[in-house]
Amino acid sequence: MVGPRDCSGSGTLTTPTSYKRKRCTLNPSTNQTRAINDPVFSLTSLANFNVSEAKSEVSGTRQLRVPRGGNWVCQGCETHAVSLPRGLRRLYPVGSISFWIHWWQGRDPLMAVGPTDFSPNSRLMAQFQNDELEYVVDDYFDVAEFEDNDAFAEYQLRGSQDAGSDFEDDFDEQSKVKTDTSAMEARNGKDIQGIPWERLNFTRDKYRETRLKQYKNYESLSRPRQDLEKECLRVEMGKTFYDFHYNTRIVKSTIVHFQLRNLLWATSKHDVYLMQNFSVMHWSSLLRRGKEVLNVSRPIVPTEKRPGLLSQPLSRVQISTMAVKENLLVVGGFQGELICKHINQHGVAFCSKVTADDNAITNAVDIFQSPTGSMRVMAANNDAQVRVFDVQNFACLNQFSFDWSVNNTSVSPDGKLVAVLGDSADCLIADAQSGKAIGNLKGHLDYSFSSAWHPNGQILATGNQDTTCRLWDIRNLSESLTVLKGRMGAIRAIKFSSDGRFMAMAEPADFVHIMDTQSGCIKGQEIDLFGEIAGISFSPDTEALFVGIADRTYGSVLEFNKRHHNQYLEAVF
């Protein structure tokens, strides 16, 4: 995956039209901040930014506040950690500088969770008709802009109290009425994400057409792909397996790394856990309330202390991945952190940096049951290591080494096999106890970042940056069983329903596909949204599918409910 040393070179950065006046400190040693109104804004003047000639054209009407200089971690790569202004991290917990870097390199950038989202590929509701949509929505929902006073300390404090919400009024009842969307409202014509298309100079269909034409999928390997389409199964789309039920913006999904999208988990039809800035939030779809479960912006001290336990205090962890199962919450961090918390207990049971490697991102975590019945945690890191921990005492039981950075792992339902995916076009099937590879999956053209096992333990699904999901029968690994194609981007998240009837796969932005496995995946449903997808999850009873959208204005959690034969009765009443 894109790691610490993948940002280099020089170029020109073009920002959206929403930033004319930029507040920055040209001299970090002073306490003054002043507005920059020049048409060209040089990043090198901020804090000795070490990429030459990196500039951005600045136009529009809004302000970007850049306070006094200091250490700041580039969310997409840690190379520039000492050269970026600290204040941006407070205002943009994930990614505005990363946007500049990756925009300039032609990459998928990270999403900003500050005042404006400006992904060059998704550019959700921005850069289209001079950002009309964003400004209309701000007026429509009375969203307040950040003031010009020195409010960063207040912002950080407020974030620690309300899980880093972008706006306090998100928790007001009046705001919920304005921003949330119910199934009844959707049936009456309201957009499920609350986008007021009727107030805009372009239709939803026109914007979708533009998105499909302009979107550029991120590729790590440049390989010929003209024959890929021929391999893909022709799917009969247009089916409806899950109906829209509710969309809330009381909680807002966010992401840290543009390639990692496992940041939402459902433990029941009414309980969803998601990452929001520096917090893990719990959303009750029954009570329609959000509650902070874990805050990692403040110092974290583990509650369990045992001899030999390599637990250590952590602070300001940037959550890159997470998993929730059996009352256990596990999160991985951008600097190799691993945090384990029992949801029904106060405090954090275990937290530590599992590696001191500079390239240490925790790319994936998995909670699984071993063949003996013991609960285990598996962590995959960018240092090419996979580590297995015992949930009982959090001791590291095994450590497996591979030839490339490991982007994703998933353990089979019986706990005997593990799928290992990483910075290689090939995927591995390994023994979960020894880590020894017993199968090599060939067919993908790029790096893989997602995988899931069918509950029967015989079918494995792998998602790749070549925009396909491949299904493999572990009884015959010589070739893939089925190849399914996304609409415009990589397959970055895959989940099976607990009964195995449906498989959901998510692209980086806009599209979630639900496949009917009973039909051999020839029948499918396409959920068409706008925004970066932070994660997807079926409820354990298969009755609900939740989708997290990461976006400054439209960041939300959407709920879709399974359609039953008596569904028409609900419509009548």
Foldseek 3Di string as FASTA:
>chain_A
DQEAPPFAEEFEFEFFQAAQWEWADLDLVDQDIDIDRDQKDDLCSHFNQPHPHYIYGYHHDDYHYAGRAAFDAALRHRNRRGGGRPLCCLQWVADPVQQSRQRGVVHQGFFTQHQFTQTQQQRFCTPPPRSVQSVVVCVQLVPDDDDPDPCSVVQNVVCVVLVNDNDPCLQPPVSFVQQKDFPVNVVVPADRLRRPQVVDPDHPVVVVVVSQVRHDADFPDDDDCPCVVVQAFAAAADDPFWAFGMWGPSDFAGARYLQAFAFKEAAFQQWIWGHDSQFIWIAGPVVRDIDTQDGQQAKADAPDDDPPAQADIHHHFRWHHWDDDPQKIWTWGQQQKIWIDRRVDPGTHGIDRPDNDRRWGFQYKDWAAALVGFIWIWTFTQVQKIWIAGPVNRDTDDIDGDDGRWRDKDAFNNRQWMWTWGQDQKIFIAGNVHRHTDAIAHDGDGGWHEKDAQNVRQWIWTWGFSQWIFICGVVDRPYTPHIHGDSRGTFRYWDAANNRQWIWTDGQFFWIKIAGVVVVRNYIYIGGDRAGWNHWYAHNVNQWIWTAGHTNSSRIIIIIGGDDPCNVVVVVD
